N, C-alpha and C. Protein backbone atom coordinates (compact mmCIF):
# COMPACT_ATOMS: atom_id res chain seq x y z
N UNK A 1 18.79 -38.35 6.90
CA UNK A 1 18.04 -37.23 6.37
C UNK A 1 16.89 -36.91 7.34
N UNK A 2 16.73 -35.64 7.57
CA UNK A 2 15.65 -35.18 8.45
C UNK A 2 14.41 -34.87 7.61
N UNK A 3 13.27 -35.25 8.13
CA UNK A 3 12.00 -35.02 7.44
C UNK A 3 11.08 -34.21 8.32
N UNK A 4 10.16 -33.52 7.68
CA UNK A 4 9.12 -32.82 8.42
C UNK A 4 8.00 -33.80 8.73
N UNK A 5 7.47 -33.69 9.93
CA UNK A 5 6.34 -34.51 10.33
C UNK A 5 5.13 -33.61 10.55
N UNK A 6 4.00 -34.23 10.80
CA UNK A 6 2.77 -33.48 11.00
C UNK A 6 2.95 -32.49 12.15
N UNK A 7 2.68 -31.22 11.90
CA UNK A 7 2.79 -30.13 12.87
C UNK A 7 4.19 -29.95 13.43
N UNK A 8 5.22 -30.40 12.70
CA UNK A 8 6.60 -30.21 13.15
C UNK A 8 7.48 -30.00 11.92
N UNK A 9 7.65 -28.73 11.48
CA UNK A 9 8.44 -28.47 10.27
C UNK A 9 9.94 -28.70 10.51
N UNK A 10 10.68 -28.77 9.42
CA UNK A 10 12.12 -28.96 9.48
C UNK A 10 12.77 -27.64 9.88
N UNK A 11 13.72 -27.70 10.82
CA UNK A 11 14.40 -26.49 11.28
C UNK A 11 15.52 -26.12 10.31
N UNK A 12 16.07 -24.93 10.47
CA UNK A 12 17.16 -24.46 9.61
C UNK A 12 18.40 -25.34 9.78
N UNK A 13 18.66 -25.78 11.01
CA UNK A 13 19.80 -26.66 11.26
C UNK A 13 19.64 -28.00 10.54
N UNK A 14 18.41 -28.52 10.53
CA UNK A 14 18.15 -29.78 9.85
C UNK A 14 18.26 -29.63 8.33
N UNK A 15 17.84 -28.49 7.82
CA UNK A 15 17.96 -28.24 6.38
C UNK A 15 19.43 -28.20 5.99
N UNK A 16 20.25 -27.54 6.81
CA UNK A 16 21.68 -27.46 6.52
C UNK A 16 22.31 -28.85 6.60
N UNK A 17 21.93 -29.65 7.59
CA UNK A 17 22.44 -31.02 7.72
C UNK A 17 22.03 -31.87 6.52
N UNK A 18 20.81 -31.71 6.04
CA UNK A 18 20.35 -32.44 4.86
C UNK A 18 21.17 -32.08 3.63
N UNK A 19 21.52 -30.81 3.49
CA UNK A 19 22.31 -30.36 2.35
C UNK A 19 23.69 -31.00 2.38
N UNK A 20 24.30 -31.04 3.54
CA UNK A 20 25.64 -31.64 3.66
C UNK A 20 25.59 -33.13 3.40
N UNK A 21 24.60 -33.80 3.96
CA UNK A 21 24.47 -35.25 3.78
C UNK A 21 24.16 -35.61 2.33
N UNK A 22 23.35 -34.80 1.66
CA UNK A 22 22.89 -35.15 0.32
C UNK A 22 24.02 -35.20 -0.70
N UNK A 23 25.07 -34.42 -0.51
CA UNK A 23 26.18 -34.44 -1.46
C UNK A 23 26.89 -35.79 -1.45
N UNK A 24 27.13 -36.32 -0.27
CA UNK A 24 27.77 -37.63 -0.16
C UNK A 24 26.79 -38.74 -0.52
N UNK A 25 25.57 -38.59 -0.09
CA UNK A 25 24.57 -39.63 -0.32
C UNK A 25 24.30 -39.83 -1.81
N UNK A 26 24.35 -38.75 -2.58
CA UNK A 26 24.11 -38.84 -4.02
C UNK A 26 25.14 -39.76 -4.68
N UNK A 27 26.40 -39.62 -4.32
CA UNK A 27 27.46 -40.44 -4.91
C UNK A 27 27.29 -41.91 -4.53
N UNK A 28 26.97 -42.17 -3.28
CA UNK A 28 26.81 -43.55 -2.81
C UNK A 28 25.59 -44.19 -3.44
N UNK A 29 24.47 -43.48 -3.46
CA UNK A 29 23.23 -44.03 -4.01
C UNK A 29 23.34 -44.31 -5.50
N UNK A 30 24.18 -43.55 -6.21
CA UNK A 30 24.36 -43.79 -7.64
C UNK A 30 24.93 -45.17 -7.89
N UNK A 31 25.93 -45.56 -7.12
CA UNK A 31 26.55 -46.87 -7.35
C UNK A 31 25.58 -48.01 -7.01
N UNK A 32 24.78 -47.84 -5.95
CA UNK A 32 23.79 -48.87 -5.63
C UNK A 32 22.69 -48.93 -6.68
N UNK A 33 22.31 -47.80 -7.22
CA UNK A 33 21.31 -47.78 -8.29
C UNK A 33 21.81 -48.47 -9.55
N UNK A 34 23.08 -48.25 -9.88
CA UNK A 34 23.67 -48.91 -11.05
C UNK A 34 23.72 -50.42 -10.83
N UNK A 35 24.11 -50.84 -9.65
CA UNK A 35 24.16 -52.28 -9.35
C UNK A 35 22.78 -52.89 -9.44
N UNK A 36 21.79 -52.20 -8.95
CA UNK A 36 20.43 -52.73 -8.98
C UNK A 36 19.89 -52.80 -10.41
N UNK A 37 20.17 -51.76 -11.20
CA UNK A 37 19.63 -51.70 -12.55
C UNK A 37 20.36 -52.62 -13.53
N UNK A 38 21.69 -52.62 -13.52
CA UNK A 38 22.44 -53.37 -14.52
C UNK A 38 22.76 -54.80 -14.12
N UNK A 39 22.86 -55.05 -12.80
CA UNK A 39 23.31 -56.36 -12.35
C UNK A 39 22.28 -57.08 -11.49
N UNK A 40 21.03 -56.67 -11.54
CA UNK A 40 19.93 -57.32 -10.84
C UNK A 40 20.22 -57.52 -9.36
N UNK A 41 20.64 -56.46 -8.69
CA UNK A 41 20.96 -56.55 -7.27
C UNK A 41 19.77 -56.16 -6.39
N UNK A 42 18.59 -56.07 -6.96
CA UNK A 42 17.42 -55.76 -6.18
C UNK A 42 17.05 -56.88 -5.22
N UNK A 43 17.40 -58.08 -5.59
CA UNK A 43 17.09 -59.24 -4.76
C UNK A 43 18.23 -60.25 -4.89
N UNK A 44 18.56 -60.88 -3.80
CA UNK A 44 19.65 -61.85 -3.81
C UNK A 44 19.15 -63.17 -4.39
N UNK A 45 20.04 -63.84 -5.06
CA UNK A 45 19.70 -65.11 -5.69
C UNK A 45 19.86 -66.29 -4.73
N UNK A 46 20.66 -66.07 -3.68
CA UNK A 46 21.00 -67.16 -2.77
C UNK A 46 20.52 -66.88 -1.35
N UNK A 47 20.53 -67.91 -0.51
CA UNK A 47 20.25 -67.78 0.91
C UNK A 47 21.53 -68.08 1.68
N UNK A 48 21.71 -67.40 2.78
CA UNK A 48 22.91 -67.62 3.58
C UNK A 48 23.89 -66.47 3.41
N UNK A 49 24.52 -66.11 4.51
CA UNK A 49 25.40 -64.94 4.52
C UNK A 49 26.61 -65.10 3.59
N UNK A 50 27.21 -66.28 3.58
CA UNK A 50 28.41 -66.48 2.78
C UNK A 50 28.11 -66.44 1.28
N UNK A 51 27.02 -67.06 0.88
CA UNK A 51 26.66 -67.08 -0.54
C UNK A 51 26.25 -65.70 -1.03
N UNK A 52 25.49 -64.97 -0.23
CA UNK A 52 25.06 -63.62 -0.61
C UNK A 52 26.27 -62.69 -0.68
N UNK A 53 27.19 -62.84 0.27
CA UNK A 53 28.39 -62.03 0.27
C UNK A 53 29.23 -62.32 -0.98
N UNK A 54 29.36 -63.58 -1.34
CA UNK A 54 30.11 -63.96 -2.55
C UNK A 54 29.44 -63.39 -3.80
N UNK A 55 28.12 -63.45 -3.85
CA UNK A 55 27.40 -62.91 -5.00
C UNK A 55 27.62 -61.41 -5.11
N UNK A 56 27.54 -60.71 -3.99
CA UNK A 56 27.74 -59.26 -4.01
C UNK A 56 29.16 -58.91 -4.44
N UNK A 57 30.14 -59.62 -3.93
CA UNK A 57 31.53 -59.34 -4.30
C UNK A 57 31.77 -59.57 -5.79
N UNK A 58 31.22 -60.64 -6.34
CA UNK A 58 31.39 -60.90 -7.77
C UNK A 58 30.72 -59.82 -8.62
N UNK A 59 29.54 -59.38 -8.20
CA UNK A 59 28.87 -58.33 -8.97
C UNK A 59 29.57 -56.99 -8.82
N UNK A 60 30.18 -56.75 -7.65
CA UNK A 60 30.97 -55.53 -7.48
C UNK A 60 32.19 -55.55 -8.39
N UNK A 61 32.81 -56.73 -8.54
CA UNK A 61 33.94 -56.86 -9.47
C UNK A 61 33.49 -56.61 -10.90
N UNK A 62 32.32 -57.12 -11.25
CA UNK A 62 31.78 -56.88 -12.59
C UNK A 62 31.53 -55.40 -12.83
N UNK A 63 31.01 -54.71 -11.82
CA UNK A 63 30.79 -53.27 -11.95
C UNK A 63 32.11 -52.54 -12.19
N UNK A 64 33.14 -52.91 -11.45
CA UNK A 64 34.44 -52.26 -11.60
C UNK A 64 35.04 -52.55 -12.97
N UNK A 65 34.88 -53.78 -13.47
CA UNK A 65 35.36 -54.11 -14.81
C UNK A 65 34.62 -53.31 -15.87
N UNK A 66 33.32 -53.14 -15.69
CA UNK A 66 32.54 -52.36 -16.64
C UNK A 66 32.97 -50.90 -16.64
N UNK A 67 33.21 -50.34 -15.44
CA UNK A 67 33.70 -48.97 -15.35
C UNK A 67 35.05 -48.82 -16.04
N UNK A 68 35.94 -49.77 -15.81
CA UNK A 68 37.27 -49.71 -16.44
C UNK A 68 37.16 -49.81 -17.96
N UNK A 69 36.32 -50.71 -18.45
CA UNK A 69 36.15 -50.86 -19.89
C UNK A 69 35.59 -49.59 -20.50
N UNK A 70 34.63 -48.96 -19.83
CA UNK A 70 34.08 -47.71 -20.34
C UNK A 70 35.11 -46.60 -20.35
N UNK A 71 35.94 -46.51 -19.31
CA UNK A 71 36.97 -45.47 -19.26
C UNK A 71 38.01 -45.67 -20.34
N UNK A 72 38.44 -46.92 -20.55
CA UNK A 72 39.44 -47.20 -21.58
C UNK A 72 38.88 -46.86 -22.95
N UNK A 73 37.67 -47.28 -23.23
CA UNK A 73 37.06 -47.04 -24.53
C UNK A 73 36.82 -45.55 -24.75
N UNK A 74 36.37 -44.85 -23.74
CA UNK A 74 36.11 -43.42 -23.90
C UNK A 74 37.40 -42.63 -24.05
N UNK A 75 38.45 -43.00 -23.34
CA UNK A 75 39.72 -42.30 -23.47
C UNK A 75 40.36 -42.54 -24.82
N UNK A 76 40.17 -43.70 -25.41
CA UNK A 76 40.77 -44.02 -26.70
C UNK A 76 40.08 -43.30 -27.85
N UNK A 77 38.81 -42.96 -27.69
CA UNK A 77 38.05 -42.39 -28.81
C UNK A 77 37.45 -41.04 -28.45
N UNK A 78 38.21 -40.16 -27.82
CA UNK A 78 37.66 -38.86 -27.45
C UNK A 78 37.70 -37.87 -28.60
N UNK A 79 38.37 -38.20 -29.70
CA UNK A 79 38.50 -37.24 -30.79
C UNK A 79 37.21 -37.11 -31.62
N UNK A 80 36.38 -38.15 -31.68
CA UNK A 80 35.14 -38.08 -32.46
C UNK A 80 33.96 -37.85 -31.55
N UNK A 81 32.88 -37.32 -32.10
CA UNK A 81 31.67 -37.07 -31.32
C UNK A 81 30.91 -38.37 -31.13
N UNK A 82 30.75 -38.79 -29.87
CA UNK A 82 30.07 -40.04 -29.59
C UNK A 82 29.22 -39.88 -28.34
N UNK A 83 28.19 -40.68 -28.25
CA UNK A 83 27.36 -40.70 -27.06
C UNK A 83 27.46 -42.08 -26.42
N UNK A 84 27.30 -42.13 -25.11
CA UNK A 84 27.35 -43.41 -24.43
C UNK A 84 25.97 -43.76 -23.91
N UNK A 85 25.68 -45.02 -23.93
CA UNK A 85 24.43 -45.53 -23.37
C UNK A 85 24.71 -46.06 -21.99
N UNK A 86 23.75 -46.01 -21.07
CA UNK A 86 23.98 -46.56 -19.73
C UNK A 86 24.28 -48.05 -19.80
N UNK A 87 25.39 -48.46 -19.22
CA UNK A 87 25.75 -49.85 -19.21
C UNK A 87 26.49 -50.31 -20.45
N UNK A 88 26.76 -49.39 -21.38
CA UNK A 88 27.44 -49.77 -22.61
C UNK A 88 28.92 -49.96 -22.35
N UNK A 89 29.51 -50.93 -23.03
CA UNK A 89 30.94 -51.17 -22.89
C UNK A 89 31.69 -50.28 -23.86
N UNK A 90 31.12 -49.99 -24.99
CA UNK A 90 31.78 -49.09 -25.94
C UNK A 90 30.80 -47.99 -26.33
N UNK A 91 31.33 -46.82 -26.67
CA UNK A 91 30.45 -45.74 -27.06
C UNK A 91 29.78 -46.01 -28.40
N UNK A 92 28.62 -45.42 -28.59
CA UNK A 92 27.87 -45.58 -29.83
C UNK A 92 28.10 -44.34 -30.68
N UNK A 93 28.53 -44.53 -31.93
CA UNK A 93 28.77 -43.39 -32.81
C UNK A 93 27.45 -42.88 -33.37
N UNK A 94 27.50 -41.72 -34.00
CA UNK A 94 26.30 -41.10 -34.54
C UNK A 94 25.71 -41.95 -35.67
N UNK A 95 26.54 -42.66 -36.44
CA UNK A 95 26.04 -43.48 -37.54
C UNK A 95 25.28 -44.70 -37.01
N UNK A 96 25.72 -45.26 -35.88
CA UNK A 96 25.08 -46.45 -35.33
C UNK A 96 23.78 -46.14 -34.61
N UNK A 97 23.67 -44.93 -34.06
CA UNK A 97 22.48 -44.56 -33.29
C UNK A 97 21.38 -44.26 -34.23
């Protein structure tokens, strides 16, 4: 991403490049934000490349399992009006909320 600095504004070409980059960056940053928020990925629990890599892989698998569980649950109950909470495995009905 291009930024404006003191006495040097962003050019039209840089603005266009920022727009193109931001569409892809939004999708990527969402998954890292979810990992940080739901799975405590802000800081590693271990030291060493192999242990940190193993921790990240396990948490990535957990994220994928959570996504799959949410998709299965949402597809099975699309006929009733329900809202989902961030990180929820099953949707919450209006009576429970």
